[in-house]
Amino acid sequence: MADMPGLASTADFPTIGNEGLFPLAIPHQSSGYTADLGRNGFHSGRGGAFSLSQPSSMRVSHPQASLDFSSLPQSIRETLQPMPSRSLPEYLSRDKFRGDQPDSPTEKDPRVHLSTKEIVREQNRRAAARFRQRQKDKLRDYEKQIQELTTRLSNVEREKSTYELKCGEMEKVVRERMNNMSVHKPAETDDELAKGEALVEALTTFCNVVRKTPRSAPEDQELLSAAGKLGMEHIIPIYRECAQELARCLCEGGDQPGTQAHFRIQEIISARRNLFHLMGWLDPQLFRRVAAMAYGGGSDAAPEPYKDAGRSHWKKVVETVNYKPEQREALLAAQDQLFMRMHEVLEKREAIVNTLQTNFPCAETEHKNAPLYVQACKAADDLKANLEEEYVAVRTFIMEFCKCMDHIQHAKMLVSGYPWTPDVLVITGIVREMAGGPQEDFKQDSILQQLPDSSPFKTLSHGHALA
């Protein structure tokens, strides 16, 4: 059977079984042969379709040759026994060939031979690898964002430096222009002109009364021209001449009514009171500069530093003035009114300052129409009005203090207190002590602790007053 007609060579066909005893030639393309394995056996035709079942007998026929499988050895026949589809391994199951499934183990996949724990461990390893990869991707994104933000920040800082340099140059130019420009004062209104004329008239009258000189004296014109910048060099000579003239009048019997000296004292004190009354109402800045004068002797060019005269000195002044009971009551009432108004002023000021501290730092960056900016501006206006209330309270107390005395008592106070300017609060405290009333020093100290050095009340408490 090696060379049967119509069949291919046995070398071209696979060997059945492990022993290779019999070559079974089944052509790849049928050419007229028929293989019959018997009932329920293998059937093959020209179309190439085949089926395999349990054969009762197996016989291959050909027009020129025939083969009976019953004559084959037992080992070969066991090999040719068909295998039921239900007993096939899972990796050869019909369902596994329906499509590509990457996660399904194949014959070459090592997971086929892994246990459950090993499979779980492998899945965890792959999940951890995917997680690390995602973290690396996020890290790269973050590094990219940080690099972009760093570039933007460097650009902004460079622009900021450029703007600051330009602003500095512009401020320098503005300062130079302001220094070179001539400052033109705005035209004074009719009201301001009237106030200035009244103040000049009062200054002129006082100088003429004290010095007995005509209005056109050169020194008076110099004093009047310096009214806007009045200082110690202008006040001390007038103050000394006034005290000396009053002392001369008292020595000539000025305390006796009807005498020439008495008339002279009234004339000087009236001119002095009128001057400081108009100064307080018409020019508060000038009044504050004069009220802050602290004179304790010395020459015109080099006045001595002010030193407290002591309570004993002012006690002698009070004894010399010899206040009447009704005058003492008026002085104490004026002092109580001053302390009461100062407490009210300080309470309002504390609330205003708190509002400014809360709103002003934010208002610096706010628009001019923003609420914080409006509140800060309103608080600033309230603080300015509050400072004016303090000044009015001090000025009113000084005026009331002067009204409590007649002209002779006022002259005695100025002469006996010379060269020191009257310390009206100490004098009022001594009067209260002589009247048997409680001391008010603790009130004064509590008020002073809350005031700056430039405060009108603090200036008054240090003995600087035009009484």
Protein backbone atom coordinates (compact mmCIF):
# COMPACT_ATOMS: atom_id res chain seq x y z
CA MET A 1 0.00 0.00 0.00
CA ALA A 2 2.94 2.28 -0.21
CA ASP A 3 2.01 3.49 -3.65
CA MET A 4 -1.69 3.25 -4.08
CA PRO A 5 -3.00 4.80 -7.23
CA GLY A 6 -4.92 8.05 -6.68
CA LEU A 7 -3.40 8.71 -3.20
CA ALA A 8 -0.56 10.94 -2.29
CA SER A 9 2.68 9.64 -0.95
CA THR A 10 2.66 8.52 2.68
CA ALA A 11 5.41 10.99 3.44
CA ASP A 12 2.96 13.86 2.89
CA PHE A 13 0.49 12.73 5.60
CA PRO A 14 0.71 12.83 9.40
CA THR A 15 1.30 9.64 11.35
CA ILE A 16 -1.52 8.41 13.57
CA GLY A 17 -0.53 7.43 17.06
CA ASN A 18 2.79 7.41 18.81
CA GLU A 19 4.02 4.15 17.27
CA GLY A 20 3.82 5.18 13.62
CA LEU A 21 2.76 1.71 12.57
CA PHE A 22 0.29 2.74 9.97
CA PRO A 23 0.19 5.80 7.80
CA LEU A 24 -3.32 7.22 7.44
CA ALA A 25 -3.49 9.38 4.36
CA ILE A 26 -6.32 11.92 4.33
CA PRO A 27 -5.82 14.35 1.51
CA HIS A 28 -6.21 18.07 2.21
CA GLN A 29 -8.50 18.24 -0.76
CA SER A 30 -10.73 15.25 -1.50
CA SER A 31 -10.43 13.88 -5.00
CA GLY A 32 -13.10 11.29 -5.29
CA TYR A 33 -12.39 9.00 -2.37
CA THR A 34 -14.90 8.09 0.34
CA ALA A 35 -14.10 7.12 3.89
CA ASP A 36 -16.83 5.22 5.72
CA LEU A 37 -16.40 4.51 9.41
CA GLY A 38 -19.70 2.71 9.62
CA ARG A 39 -22.80 3.76 11.51
CA ASN A 40 -22.40 6.91 13.53
CA GLY A 41 -18.82 7.02 12.37
CA PHE A 42 -16.66 9.37 10.32
CA HIS A 43 -18.06 10.53 6.99
CA SER A 44 -16.20 12.57 4.49
CA GLY A 45 -17.15 13.73 1.03
CA ARG A 46 -15.98 15.89 -1.81
CA GLY A 47 -17.04 19.06 -0.03
CA GLY A 48 -14.56 18.49 2.79
CA ALA A 49 -17.19 18.40 5.56
CA PHE A 50 -16.69 15.80 8.22
CA SER A 51 -18.16 14.54 11.48
CA LEU A 52 -16.84 12.33 14.21
CA SER A 53 -18.81 10.03 16.48
CA GLN A 54 -18.49 6.63 18.12
CA PRO A 55 -17.85 4.24 15.22
CA SER A 56 -19.04 0.68 15.38
CA SER A 57 -16.76 -0.10 12.46
CA MET A 58 -14.43 1.99 10.42
CA ARG A 59 -13.61 1.36 6.77
CA VAL A 60 -12.02 3.59 4.15
CA SER A 61 -12.79 2.74 0.54
CA HIS A 62 -11.24 4.00 -2.66
CA PRO A 63 -11.78 2.93 -6.22
CA GLN A 64 -8.38 1.27 -6.25
CA ALA A 65 -7.77 0.52 -2.51
CA SER A 66 -9.61 -0.13 0.77
CA LEU A 67 -8.71 0.07 4.49
CA ASP A 68 -10.35 -1.66 7.45
CA PHE A 69 -9.72 0.09 10.81
CA SER A 70 -10.66 -2.96 12.79
CA SER A 71 -7.39 -4.47 11.80
CA LEU A 72 -5.44 -1.54 13.41
CA PRO A 73 -3.63 -2.03 16.72
CA GLN A 74 -5.43 -1.18 19.94
CA SER A 75 -3.21 1.81 20.78
CA ILE A 76 -3.98 3.45 17.45
CA ARG A 77 -7.69 2.86 17.76
CA GLU A 78 -7.72 4.45 21.28
CA THR A 79 -6.01 7.45 19.83
CA LEU A 80 -8.68 7.79 17.20
CA GLN A 81 -11.49 7.62 19.76
CA PRO A 82 -13.51 10.90 19.69
CA MET A 83 -13.57 13.14 22.77
CA PRO A 84 -16.91 14.56 23.97
CA SER A 85 -17.16 18.35 23.87
CA ARG A 86 -18.21 18.48 27.52
CA SER A 87 -14.93 16.89 28.61
CA LEU A 88 -12.76 19.41 26.73
CA PRO A 89 -10.51 21.69 28.84
CA GLU A 90 -11.76 25.18 29.51
CA TYR A 91 -9.08 26.72 27.37
CA LEU A 92 -10.45 24.69 24.40
CA SER A 93 -14.05 25.55 25.12
CA ARG A 94 -16.12 26.72 22.17
CA ASP A 95 -17.00 29.98 24.00
CA LYS A 96 -13.38 31.01 24.21
CA PHE A 97 -13.12 31.34 20.47
CA ARG A 98 -15.96 33.80 20.03
CA GLY A 99 -13.69 36.86 20.24
CA ASP A 100 -10.45 38.29 21.56
CA GLN A 101 -10.49 38.69 25.31
CA PRO A 102 -7.24 40.15 26.65
CA ASP A 103 -7.99 39.33 30.26
CA SER A 104 -8.81 35.70 29.49
CA PRO A 105 -5.95 33.30 30.04
CA THR A 106 -4.69 31.55 26.93
CA GLU A 107 -2.62 28.45 26.50
CA LYS A 108 0.55 30.49 26.56
CA ASP A 109 -0.59 32.74 29.51
CA PRO A 110 1.32 31.91 32.70
CA ARG A 111 -1.77 32.65 34.77
CA VAL A 112 -3.27 29.34 33.66
CA HIS A 113 -1.01 27.53 36.06
CA LEU A 114 -1.32 30.11 38.97
CA SER A 115 -3.24 29.63 42.19
CA THR A 116 -5.94 32.01 43.43
CA LYS A 117 -3.61 33.84 45.84
CA GLU A 118 -1.03 34.25 43.11
CA ILE A 119 -3.65 35.63 40.76
CA VAL A 120 -4.85 38.15 43.39
CA ARG A 121 -1.26 39.13 44.08
CA GLU A 122 -0.65 39.62 40.36
CA GLN A 123 -3.77 41.77 40.07
CA ASN A 124 -2.69 43.88 43.05
CA ARG A 125 0.76 44.31 41.54
CA ARG A 126 -0.70 45.53 38.26
CA ALA A 127 -3.15 47.85 40.08
CA ALA A 128 -0.26 49.31 42.12
CA ALA A 129 1.70 49.83 38.92
CA ARG A 130 -1.23 51.65 37.35
CA PHE A 131 -1.61 53.81 40.50
CA ARG A 132 2.07 54.71 40.45
CA GLN A 133 1.81 55.62 36.82
CA ARG A 134 -1.16 57.90 37.53
CA GLN A 135 0.75 59.55 40.37
CA LYS A 136 3.71 60.13 38.07
CA ASP A 137 1.40 61.71 35.51
CA LYS A 138 -0.14 64.00 38.16
CA LEU A 139 3.31 64.94 39.43
CA ARG A 140 4.40 65.88 35.93
CA ASP A 141 1.26 68.02 35.54
CA TYR A 142 1.89 69.75 38.89
CA GLU A 143 5.52 70.42 38.01
CA LYS A 144 4.41 71.91 34.72
CA GLN A 145 1.88 74.16 36.48
CA ILE A 146 4.48 75.24 39.07
CA GLN A 147 6.89 76.12 36.30
CA GLU A 148 4.24 78.20 34.53
CA LEU A 149 3.26 80.01 37.76
CA THR A 150 6.90 80.67 38.57
CA THR A 151 7.37 82.23 35.16
CA ARG A 152 4.29 84.39 35.64
CA LEU A 153 5.44 85.47 39.12
CA SER A 154 8.84 86.49 37.85
CA ASN A 155 7.20 88.52 35.09
CA VAL A 156 4.89 90.24 37.58
CA GLU A 157 7.77 91.05 39.93
CA ARG A 158 9.73 92.48 37.03
CA GLU A 159 6.76 94.66 36.04
CA LYS A 160 6.32 95.74 39.67
CA SER A 161 9.94 96.82 39.90
CA THR A 162 9.53 98.78 36.69
CA TYR A 163 6.39 100.52 37.98
CA GLU A 164 8.03 101.37 41.31
CA LEU A 165 10.98 102.88 39.50
CA LYS A 166 8.66 104.96 37.32
CA CYS A 167 6.62 106.07 40.35
CA GLY A 168 9.80 107.13 42.15
CA GLU A 169 10.88 109.18 39.17
CA MET A 170 7.44 110.78 38.86
CA GLU A 171 7.37 111.65 42.59
CA LYS A 172 10.80 113.21 42.27
CA VAL A 173 9.64 115.31 39.34
CA VAL A 174 6.52 116.40 41.24
CA ARG A 175 8.56 117.42 44.29
CA GLU A 176 10.92 119.44 42.14
CA ARG A 177 8.03 121.17 40.43
CA MET A 178 6.37 121.95 43.77
CA ASN A 179 9.61 123.40 45.08
CA ASN A 180 10.06 125.54 42.00
CA MET A 181 6.48 126.71 41.83
CA SER A 182 5.54 129.85 43.66
CA VAL A 183 2.83 129.19 46.22
CA HIS A 184 -0.11 131.49 45.56
CA LYS A 185 -2.48 131.93 48.44
CA PRO A 186 -6.15 131.88 47.51
CA ALA A 187 -7.92 135.18 47.56
CA GLU A 188 -9.38 135.97 50.94
CA THR A 189 -13.12 136.28 51.24
CA ASP A 190 -14.85 139.34 52.65
CA ASP A 191 -15.43 137.53 55.93
CA GLU A 192 -11.75 136.63 56.28
CA LEU A 193 -10.73 140.18 55.44
CA ALA A 194 -13.08 141.54 58.10
CA LYS A 195 -11.65 139.15 60.71
CA GLY A 196 -8.10 140.13 59.82
CA GLU A 197 -8.89 143.83 60.08
CA ALA A 198 -10.56 143.36 63.45
CA LEU A 199 -7.57 141.42 64.80
CA VAL A 200 -5.13 144.04 63.52
CA GLU A 201 -7.22 146.75 65.16
CA ALA A 202 -7.16 144.90 68.51
CA LEU A 203 -3.41 144.34 68.31
CA THR A 204 -2.81 147.98 67.45
CA THR A 205 -5.01 149.20 70.29
CA PHE A 206 -3.28 147.00 72.84
CA CYS A 207 0.20 148.07 71.75
CA ASN A 208 -0.77 151.75 71.83
CA VAL A 209 -2.34 151.43 75.27
CA VAL A 210 0.64 149.65 76.81
CA ARG A 211 3.40 151.68 75.16
CA LYS A 212 1.56 154.99 74.78
CA THR A 213 2.88 155.28 71.21
CA PRO A 214 1.16 156.38 67.99
CA ARG A 215 -0.20 153.80 65.58
CA SER A 216 2.60 154.42 63.04
CA ALA A 217 5.44 153.29 65.32
CA PRO A 218 7.88 151.00 63.42
CA GLU A 219 7.90 148.36 66.15
CA ASP A 220 4.09 148.15 66.12
CA GLN A 221 4.05 147.72 62.35
CA GLU A 222 6.57 144.89 62.69
CA LEU A 223 4.40 143.22 65.30
CA LEU A 224 1.27 143.56 63.18
CA SER A 225 3.00 142.16 60.08
CA ALA A 226 4.10 139.15 62.12
CA ALA A 227 0.58 138.33 63.31
CA GLY A 228 0.46 135.30 61.02
CA LYS A 229 3.70 133.92 62.53
CA LEU A 230 3.67 135.36 66.01
CA GLY A 231 6.34 133.88 68.30
CA MET A 232 8.08 134.37 71.62
CA GLU A 233 10.28 137.17 70.25
CA HIS A 234 7.12 139.23 69.61
CA ILE A 235 5.12 138.33 72.72
CA ILE A 236 7.71 138.52 75.51
CA PRO A 237 8.47 142.27 75.12
CA ILE A 238 4.76 143.15 75.12
CA TYR A 239 4.11 140.86 78.07
CA ARG A 240 6.95 142.36 80.11
CA GLU A 241 5.95 145.94 79.33
CA CYS A 242 2.34 145.20 80.24
CA ALA A 243 3.32 143.70 83.62
CA GLN A 244 5.67 146.60 84.37
CA GLU A 245 3.06 149.21 83.50
CA LEU A 246 0.45 147.48 85.70
CA ALA A 247 2.93 147.26 88.61
CA ARG A 248 3.65 150.99 88.30
CA CYS A 249 -0.06 151.81 88.33
CA LEU A 250 -0.67 149.68 91.44
CA CYS A 251 2.19 151.42 93.23
CA GLU A 252 0.60 154.78 92.38
CA GLY A 253 -2.67 153.77 94.03
CA GLY A 254 -4.37 152.11 91.16
CA ASP A 255 -6.53 150.03 93.51
CA GLN A 256 -8.26 153.23 94.62
CA PRO A 257 -11.24 154.11 92.40
CA GLY A 258 -11.22 157.48 90.68
CA THR A 259 -7.47 157.86 90.42
CA GLN A 260 -5.51 158.19 87.19
CA ALA A 261 -3.69 154.93 87.92
CA HIS A 262 -7.03 153.14 88.42
CA PHE A 263 -8.24 154.38 85.03
CA ARG A 264 -4.96 153.32 83.46
CA ILE A 265 -5.28 149.76 84.85
CA GLN A 266 -8.82 149.45 83.50
CA GLU A 267 -7.68 150.65 80.09
CA ILE A 268 -4.81 148.12 79.88
CA ILE A 269 -6.82 145.13 81.17
CA SER A 270 -9.76 145.94 78.86
CA ALA A 271 -7.48 146.14 75.82
CA ARG A 272 -5.80 142.88 76.82
CA ARG A 273 -9.06 141.00 77.32
CA ASN A 274 -10.48 142.31 74.06
CA LEU A 275 -7.35 141.29 72.17
CA PHE A 276 -7.30 137.71 73.44
CA HIS A 277 -11.07 137.38 73.10
CA LEU A 278 -10.88 138.34 69.40
CA MET A 279 -7.77 136.23 68.93
CA GLY A 280 -9.56 133.17 70.31
CA TRP A 281 -12.54 133.64 68.01
CA LEU A 282 -10.87 134.97 64.86
CA ASP A 283 -7.52 133.20 64.73
CA PRO A 284 -7.45 129.92 66.70
CA GLN A 285 -3.96 129.04 65.45
CA LEU A 286 -2.53 132.33 66.70
CA PHE A 287 -4.36 131.94 70.00
CA ARG A 288 -2.87 128.46 70.48
CA ARG A 289 0.66 129.67 69.78
CA VAL A 290 0.30 132.50 72.27
CA ALA A 291 -1.44 130.31 74.86
CA ALA A 292 1.42 127.80 74.63
CA MET A 293 3.89 130.47 75.75
CA ALA A 294 5.89 129.33 78.78
CA TYR A 295 7.81 132.28 80.15
CA GLY A 296 9.77 132.28 83.35
CA GLY A 297 12.05 135.28 83.01
CA GLY A 298 15.21 136.08 81.07
CA SER A 299 16.07 138.50 78.31
CA ASP A 300 14.22 139.08 75.08
CA ALA A 301 16.85 137.31 72.99
CA ALA A 302 17.34 134.35 75.33
CA PRO A 303 14.37 133.72 77.62
CA GLU A 304 14.94 131.32 80.47
CA PRO A 305 13.42 127.84 80.23
CA TYR A 306 10.10 127.55 81.96
CA LYS A 307 10.22 126.14 85.47
CA ASP A 308 7.21 125.42 87.61
CA ALA A 309 6.82 128.12 90.21
CA GLY A 310 5.36 125.70 92.71
CA ARG A 311 2.03 125.58 94.49
CA SER A 312 3.21 127.91 97.26
CA HIS A 313 3.88 130.69 94.75
CA TRP A 314 0.35 130.51 93.32
CA LYS A 315 -1.12 130.30 96.81
CA LYS A 316 0.43 133.71 97.55
CA VAL A 317 -1.07 134.98 94.28
CA VAL A 318 -4.55 133.81 95.36
CA GLU A 319 -4.13 135.52 98.74
CA THR A 320 -3.07 138.73 96.99
CA VAL A 321 -6.05 138.70 94.63
CA ASN A 322 -8.45 138.02 97.52
CA TYR A 323 -11.40 136.44 95.68
CA LYS A 324 -14.90 137.08 96.98
CA PRO A 325 -17.22 134.13 97.81
CA GLU A 326 -19.32 134.57 94.68
CA GLN A 327 -16.15 134.77 92.58
CA ARG A 328 -14.89 131.51 94.08
CA GLU A 329 -18.17 129.78 93.25
CA ALA A 330 -17.97 131.03 89.67
CA LEU A 331 -14.37 129.79 89.34
CA LEU A 332 -15.25 126.33 90.69
CA ALA A 333 -18.30 126.10 88.41
CA ALA A 334 -16.13 126.97 85.40
CA GLN A 335 -13.62 124.27 86.36
CA ASP A 336 -16.35 121.64 86.80
CA GLN A 337 -17.78 122.56 83.41
CA LEU A 338 -14.35 122.21 81.83
CA PHE A 339 -13.76 118.73 83.30
CA MET A 340 -17.23 117.57 82.29
CA ARG A 341 -16.79 118.72 78.70
CA MET A 342 -13.33 117.18 78.48
CA HIS A 343 -14.66 113.77 79.57
CA GLU A 344 -17.34 113.96 76.89
CA VAL A 345 -14.77 114.96 74.27
CA LEU A 346 -12.47 112.07 75.17
CA GLU A 347 -15.28 109.50 75.08
CA LYS A 348 -16.24 110.62 71.58
CA ARG A 349 -12.59 110.65 70.50
CA GLU A 350 -12.03 107.07 71.62
CA ALA A 351 -14.94 105.83 69.48
CA ILE A 352 -13.74 107.88 66.49
CA VAL A 353 -10.18 106.56 66.76
CA ASN A 354 -11.46 102.96 66.92
CA THR A 355 -13.47 103.55 63.75
CA LEU A 356 -10.43 105.00 62.00
CA GLN A 357 -8.20 102.09 63.02
CA THR A 358 -10.79 99.61 61.75
CA ASN A 359 -11.56 101.19 58.37
CA PHE A 360 -8.52 103.22 57.35
CA PRO A 361 -6.09 100.32 56.46
CA CYS A 362 -8.75 98.84 54.17
CA ALA A 363 -9.81 102.23 52.83
CA GLU A 364 -6.29 102.82 51.45
CA THR A 365 -6.94 100.17 48.78
CA GLU A 366 -10.65 100.86 48.30
CA HIS A 367 -12.23 103.02 45.65
CA LYS A 368 -13.29 106.49 46.68
CA ASN A 369 -16.95 105.49 46.48
CA ALA A 370 -16.52 102.32 48.54
CA PRO A 371 -18.24 102.14 51.97
CA LEU A 372 -14.99 101.71 53.92
CA TYR A 373 -13.46 104.78 52.29
CA VAL A 374 -16.57 106.84 53.04
CA GLN A 375 -16.59 105.71 56.69
CA ALA A 376 -12.88 106.52 57.09
CA CYS A 377 -13.38 110.02 55.64
CA LYS A 378 -16.35 110.63 57.92
CA ALA A 379 -14.33 109.46 60.94
CA ALA A 380 -11.50 111.85 59.98
CA ASP A 381 -13.96 114.75 59.80
CA ASP A 382 -15.41 113.74 63.18
CA LEU A 383 -11.93 113.67 64.71
CA LYS A 384 -11.21 117.16 63.40
CA ALA A 385 -14.47 118.41 64.90
CA ASN A 386 -13.63 116.66 68.18
CA LEU A 387 -10.27 118.43 68.41
CA GLU A 388 -12.06 121.72 67.79
CA GLU A 389 -14.44 120.94 70.68
CA GLU A 390 -11.45 120.53 73.01
CA TYR A 391 -10.05 123.87 71.92
CA VAL A 392 -13.42 125.59 72.43
CA ALA A 393 -13.73 124.07 75.92
CA VAL A 394 -10.29 125.39 76.95
CA ARG A 395 -10.86 128.82 75.41
CA THR A 396 -14.26 129.15 77.12
CA PHE A 397 -12.74 128.26 80.48
CA ILE A 398 -10.01 130.91 80.10
CA MET A 399 -12.61 133.56 79.22
CA GLU A 400 -14.81 132.58 82.17
CA PHE A 401 -11.78 132.63 84.46
CA CYS A 402 -11.03 136.23 83.43
CA LYS A 403 -14.65 137.32 83.80
CA CYS A 404 -14.73 136.13 87.42
CA MET A 405 -12.25 138.88 88.39
CA ASP A 406 -12.51 142.64 88.17
CA HIS A 407 -9.80 144.70 86.50
CA ILE A 408 -7.85 145.38 89.70
CA GLN A 409 -7.81 141.71 90.74
CA HIS A 410 -6.68 140.74 87.24
CA ALA A 411 -3.83 143.25 87.40
CA LYS A 412 -2.77 141.99 90.84
CA MET A 413 -2.72 138.38 89.55
CA LEU A 414 -0.48 139.32 86.60
CA VAL A 415 1.92 141.43 88.69
CA SER A 416 2.21 139.04 91.67
CA GLY A 417 2.62 136.04 89.35
CA TYR A 418 5.29 137.66 87.16
CA PRO A 419 7.56 136.49 85.50
CA TRP A 420 5.47 133.31 85.22
CA THR A 421 2.35 133.15 83.09
CA PRO A 422 -0.74 132.41 85.22
CA ASP A 423 -1.44 128.73 85.93
CA VAL A 424 -5.22 128.97 85.94
CA LEU A 425 -5.88 125.30 86.86
CA VAL A 426 -3.57 125.44 89.89
CA ILE A 427 -5.14 128.73 90.97
CA THR A 428 -8.63 127.24 90.67
CA GLY A 429 -7.51 124.17 92.64
CA ILE A 430 -6.21 126.37 95.46
CA VAL A 431 -9.48 128.27 95.51
CA ARG A 432 -11.36 124.94 95.81
CA GLU A 433 -9.06 123.85 98.62
CA MET A 434 -9.60 127.15 100.50
CA ALA A 435 -13.37 126.76 100.06
CA GLY A 436 -13.20 123.30 101.70
CA GLY A 437 -14.23 121.43 98.56
CA PRO A 438 -12.82 118.08 97.33
CA GLN A 439 -9.63 118.04 95.34
CA GLU A 440 -10.02 117.64 91.56
CA ASP A 441 -6.43 116.69 90.84
CA PHE A 442 -7.35 113.05 90.12
CA LYS A 443 -9.78 114.17 87.41
CA GLN A 444 -7.12 116.33 85.84
CA ASP A 445 -4.56 113.50 85.92
CA SER A 446 -6.98 110.99 84.33
CA ILE A 447 -7.68 113.42 81.50
CA LEU A 448 -4.00 114.24 80.92
CA GLN A 449 -3.07 110.56 80.52
CA GLN A 450 -5.23 110.35 77.37
CA LEU A 451 -3.96 113.51 75.64
CA PRO A 452 -0.90 114.23 73.46
CA ASP A 453 1.59 116.96 74.28
CA SER A 454 0.07 119.33 71.71
CA SER A 455 -3.36 119.16 73.33
CA PRO A 456 -4.82 122.57 74.38
CA PHE A 457 -5.92 121.13 77.72
CA LYS A 458 -2.45 119.72 78.40
CA THR A 459 -0.97 123.11 77.54
CA LEU A 460 -3.41 124.71 79.97
CA SER A 461 -2.55 122.25 82.75
CA HIS A 462 1.16 123.06 82.39
CA GLY A 463 0.55 126.68 83.26
CA HIS A 464 0.45 128.11 79.74
CA ALA A 465 -2.56 130.38 79.51
CA LEU A 466 -3.42 133.92 78.58
CA ALA A 467 -5.46 134.85 81.62
